[in-house]
Amino acid sequence: METKVLIIASNANAIGPNNRRTGTFLPEIAHPYAEFKRAGYQIDFATLTGDTPYLDALSLADDPDNLAFLVGDGWAKMQKATKLSDVDVSQYDAIFVPGGLAPMVDMVEEPLLKKVIAETYERGAVVGAVCHGPVSLLNVKLSDGSYLVNGKNIASFTTAEEDNYARPDVSFDLQTALTEQGAIFHAAEPWSANSIADGHIVTGQNPASAKGVAEKMIAILAA
């Protein structure tokens, strides 16, 4: 059976009081997509509304995997993303949530997304997220009422990184919020590659960590 990965992207394109333009950060989708494709996986896309998501950091298109995503089948498929409520997520071996500031807008509380993540985790499939993408894990409660991240080793965009990136634009600090729900937070030096697997949850700190998240997800799926 072919391994199937569902990438769930935000639909937001602006954040904060100054209406900062945002979207999915290009390398955080392109680098994992490249790794999943090299592994021979079926890769599908979903968004919360079914509308075409937005991309941020197009200035990084000179990176080979970023360029391949934009001019190959990656962005073409992402533009045709299915509405999450129309997807049978139980058919997927893994789900992955890329970052960019966009998830901080529409993935904090979205009930269906929280339900999908809880069910995916509880059936033993792999759950991955990078940078601001782990906001999707926030407020996810398991069937026993506990928070998904409680007691789990987790990485995400850090307080130190946010202070020098988008502090005026975000309504809360992601590292603090995850820690308050019981996450054992792992912060590396700002902007350095840092990905961590805890069971079948894989998270990463920033754009430099996206490839590592995908590699760890692939290793779990291959085991």
Protein backbone atom coordinates (compact mmCIF):
# COMPACT_ATOMS: atom_id res chain seq x y z
CA MET A 1 0.00 0.00 0.00
CA GLU A 2 1.25 3.47 -0.92
CA THR A 3 2.01 5.71 2.06
CA LYS A 4 -0.32 8.72 2.09
CA VAL A 5 0.43 12.11 3.66
CA LEU A 6 -2.09 14.92 4.05
CA ILE A 7 -0.67 18.42 4.28
CA ILE A 8 -3.09 20.77 6.06
CA ALA A 9 -2.48 24.45 5.29
CA SER A 10 -3.86 27.69 6.67
CA ASN A 11 -6.09 29.94 4.58
CA ALA A 12 -5.09 33.17 6.34
CA ASN A 13 -3.30 35.90 4.40
CA ALA A 14 -3.04 38.69 6.99
CA ILE A 15 -2.32 38.94 10.69
CA GLY A 16 -2.27 41.51 13.46
CA PRO A 17 -3.26 45.14 13.96
CA ASN A 18 -1.09 46.29 11.05
CA ASN A 19 -2.59 43.74 8.63
CA ARG A 20 0.78 42.13 7.98
CA ARG A 21 0.61 39.98 4.85
CA THR A 22 1.30 36.35 5.47
CA GLY A 23 0.66 32.78 4.33
CA THR A 24 2.45 29.44 4.37
CA PHE A 25 6.21 30.03 4.55
CA LEU A 26 7.59 28.59 1.30
CA PRO A 27 10.45 26.39 2.59
CA GLU A 28 8.24 24.99 5.33
CA ILE A 29 6.01 23.43 2.69
CA ALA A 30 8.49 22.96 -0.17
CA HIS A 31 11.22 21.16 1.78
CA PRO A 32 8.90 18.57 3.39
CA TYR A 33 7.06 18.14 0.08
CA ALA A 34 10.39 17.34 -1.59
CA GLU A 35 11.27 14.77 1.07
CA PHE A 36 7.84 13.10 0.93
CA LYS A 37 8.00 13.01 -2.87
CA ARG A 38 11.48 11.47 -2.83
CA ALA A 39 10.12 8.82 -0.45
CA GLY A 40 7.47 7.94 -3.03
CA TYR A 41 4.48 9.01 -0.94
CA GLN A 42 1.08 10.12 -2.18
CA ILE A 43 0.82 13.76 -1.08
CA ASP A 44 -2.53 15.54 -0.85
CA PHE A 45 -3.47 18.99 0.39
CA ALA A 46 -6.32 20.27 2.53
CA THR A 47 -7.19 23.69 3.89
CA LEU A 48 -9.73 24.75 6.48
CA THR A 49 -12.01 26.53 4.01
CA GLY A 50 -11.09 24.77 0.77
CA ASP A 51 -9.90 28.06 -0.71
CA THR A 52 -6.46 28.37 -2.29
CA PRO A 53 -3.90 29.08 0.45
CA TYR A 54 -1.34 31.87 0.26
CA LEU A 55 2.45 31.56 0.11
CA ASP A 56 4.94 33.74 1.98
CA ALA A 57 8.71 34.09 1.45
CA LEU A 58 8.62 33.81 -2.34
CA SER A 59 11.94 35.67 -2.27
CA LEU A 60 13.49 32.33 -1.30
CA ALA A 61 12.57 30.74 -4.63
CA ASP A 62 16.22 30.33 -5.64
CA ASP A 63 16.52 27.36 -3.26
CA PRO A 64 16.30 24.20 -5.42
CA ASP A 65 13.48 22.50 -3.48
CA ASN A 66 11.55 25.77 -3.19
CA LEU A 67 11.83 26.36 -6.93
CA ALA A 68 10.87 22.77 -7.73
CA PHE A 69 7.76 23.15 -5.57
CA LEU A 70 6.72 26.37 -7.31
CA VAL A 71 7.27 25.27 -10.91
CA GLY A 72 6.56 21.56 -10.45
CA ASP A 73 3.46 19.80 -9.21
CA GLY A 74 3.62 20.98 -5.58
CA TRP A 75 2.09 24.44 -5.85
CA ALA A 76 -0.25 23.26 -8.60
CA LYS A 77 -1.66 20.61 -6.23
CA MET A 78 -1.73 22.99 -3.26
CA GLN A 79 -3.89 25.43 -5.23
CA LYS A 80 -6.46 22.65 -5.61
CA ALA A 81 -6.53 21.80 -1.91
CA THR A 82 -9.66 20.07 -0.64
CA LYS A 83 -11.74 21.50 2.18
CA LEU A 84 -10.73 19.65 5.35
CA SER A 85 -14.33 18.74 6.18
CA ASP A 86 -14.54 16.90 2.85
CA VAL A 87 -11.45 14.75 3.50
CA ASP A 88 -11.49 11.29 5.09
CA VAL A 89 -8.35 11.86 7.15
CA SER A 90 -8.50 8.30 8.49
CA GLN A 91 -7.15 7.14 5.12
CA TYR A 92 -3.83 8.91 5.67
CA ASP A 93 -0.72 7.53 7.35
CA ALA A 94 0.45 11.01 8.38
CA ILE A 95 -0.65 14.61 8.53
CA PHE A 96 1.67 17.61 8.37
CA VAL A 97 1.03 21.28 9.19
CA PRO A 98 3.50 23.83 7.76
CA GLY A 99 4.07 27.19 9.37
CA GLY A 100 4.34 30.79 8.43
CA LEU A 101 2.38 33.25 10.52
CA ALA A 102 -0.88 32.21 8.88
CA PRO A 103 -1.68 29.29 11.25
CA MET A 104 -1.58 31.75 14.17
CA VAL A 105 -4.74 33.27 12.68
CA ASP A 106 -7.01 30.32 11.88
CA MET A 107 -5.56 27.24 13.58
CA VAL A 108 -5.63 28.24 17.26
CA GLU A 109 -9.16 27.06 18.04
CA GLU A 110 -10.62 25.51 14.84
CA PRO A 111 -12.75 22.61 16.22
CA LEU A 112 -12.57 20.32 13.20
CA LEU A 113 -8.79 20.65 12.98
CA LYS A 114 -8.43 19.82 16.68
CA LYS A 115 -10.69 16.78 16.23
CA VAL A 116 -8.74 15.58 13.19
CA ILE A 117 -5.40 15.90 14.98
CA ALA A 118 -6.65 14.09 18.09
CA GLU A 119 -8.12 11.24 16.04
CA THR A 120 -5.00 10.96 13.87
CA TYR A 121 -2.79 10.75 16.94
CA GLU A 122 -5.00 8.29 18.78
CA ARG A 123 -5.11 5.84 15.87
CA GLY A 124 -1.30 5.81 15.79
CA ALA A 125 -0.71 7.78 12.61
CA VAL A 126 2.09 10.35 12.43
CA VAL A 127 1.45 14.01 13.26
CA GLY A 128 4.01 16.58 12.11
CA ALA A 129 4.22 20.38 12.27
CA VAL A 130 6.91 23.04 11.94
CA CYS A 131 7.60 26.61 13.09
CA HIS A 132 4.20 28.27 13.78
CA GLY A 133 2.50 25.09 12.53
CA PRO A 134 2.53 23.51 16.03
CA VAL A 135 -0.14 26.06 16.98
CA SER A 136 -2.39 23.40 15.40
CA LEU A 137 -1.48 21.10 18.33
CA LEU A 138 -2.50 23.74 20.87
CA ASN A 139 -5.89 23.11 22.53
CA VAL A 140 -6.08 19.57 21.10
CA LYS A 141 -7.65 17.32 23.75
CA LEU A 142 -7.46 13.54 23.65
CA SER A 143 -10.36 11.23 24.48
CA ASP A 144 -9.24 11.10 28.12
CA GLY A 145 -9.55 14.90 28.37
CA SER A 146 -5.80 15.58 28.52
CA TYR A 147 -3.99 17.99 26.24
CA LEU A 148 -2.18 16.31 23.36
CA VAL A 149 1.06 18.19 24.07
CA ASN A 150 1.04 17.45 27.79
CA GLY A 151 4.25 15.63 28.66
CA LYS A 152 5.39 15.55 25.01
CA ASN A 153 8.75 16.79 23.74
CA ILE A 154 7.81 19.65 21.42
CA ALA A 155 9.57 22.29 19.33
CA SER A 156 8.08 25.35 17.65
CA PHE A 157 8.99 28.92 16.80
CA THR A 158 10.50 30.24 20.00
CA THR A 159 9.93 33.30 22.13
CA ALA A 160 13.42 34.56 21.25
CA GLU A 161 12.73 34.16 17.53
CA GLU A 162 9.32 35.85 17.75
CA ASP A 163 10.81 38.81 19.60
CA ASN A 164 12.91 39.52 16.53
CA TYR A 165 10.35 38.60 13.89
CA ALA A 166 6.65 39.30 14.44
CA ARG A 167 6.04 40.14 18.09
CA PRO A 168 3.74 43.13 17.32
CA ASP A 169 1.69 40.99 14.93
CA VAL A 170 0.93 37.88 17.01
CA SER A 171 -1.71 37.85 19.74
CA PHE A 172 0.16 35.39 21.98
CA ASP A 173 3.50 33.66 22.36
CA LEU A 174 3.48 30.12 20.96
CA GLN A 175 6.32 28.72 23.09
CA THR A 176 4.59 29.99 26.26
CA ALA A 177 1.18 28.64 25.22
CA LEU A 178 2.52 25.15 24.43
CA THR A 179 4.45 25.07 27.70
CA GLU A 180 1.33 26.10 29.65
CA GLN A 181 -0.46 23.05 28.25
CA GLY A 182 2.31 20.79 29.53
CA ALA A 183 4.67 20.55 26.57
CA ILE A 184 8.31 19.79 27.35
CA PHE A 185 9.63 22.56 25.12
CA HIS A 186 12.96 22.25 23.30
CA ALA A 187 14.43 25.54 22.09
CA ALA A 188 17.67 25.63 20.14
CA GLU A 189 19.61 28.71 19.07
CA PRO A 190 17.41 31.10 17.06
CA TRP A 191 17.09 30.11 13.40
CA SER A 192 19.11 26.90 13.81
CA ALA A 193 17.77 23.54 12.61
CA ASN A 194 15.91 21.81 15.45
CA SER A 195 13.41 18.99 14.96
CA ILE A 196 12.28 16.46 17.53
CA ALA A 197 10.23 13.27 17.50
CA ASP A 198 8.28 12.04 20.51
CA GLY A 199 6.57 8.79 19.63
CA HIS A 200 4.66 9.61 16.46
CA ILE A 201 4.56 13.39 16.98
CA VAL A 202 7.27 15.32 15.13
CA THR A 203 7.78 19.06 15.50
CA GLY A 204 10.33 21.61 14.35
CA GLN A 205 11.40 25.06 15.42
CA ASN A 206 11.68 27.20 12.29
CA PRO A 207 12.13 27.13 8.50
CA ALA A 208 15.56 25.51 8.82
CA SER A 209 13.89 22.63 10.68
CA ALA A 210 11.30 21.70 8.04
CA LYS A 211 13.48 19.18 6.20
CA GLY A 212 14.38 17.48 9.48
CA VAL A 213 10.73 17.18 10.48
CA ALA A 214 9.93 15.43 7.20
CA GLU A 215 12.95 13.14 7.54
CA LYS A 216 11.89 12.11 11.05
CA MET A 217 8.31 11.54 9.90
CA ILE A 218 9.59 9.33 7.06
CA ALA A 219 11.75 7.36 9.48
CA ILE A 220 8.74 6.68 11.73
CA LEU A 221 6.57 5.69 8.76
CA ALA A 222 9.28 3.34 7.50
CA ALA A 223 9.78 1.64 10.89
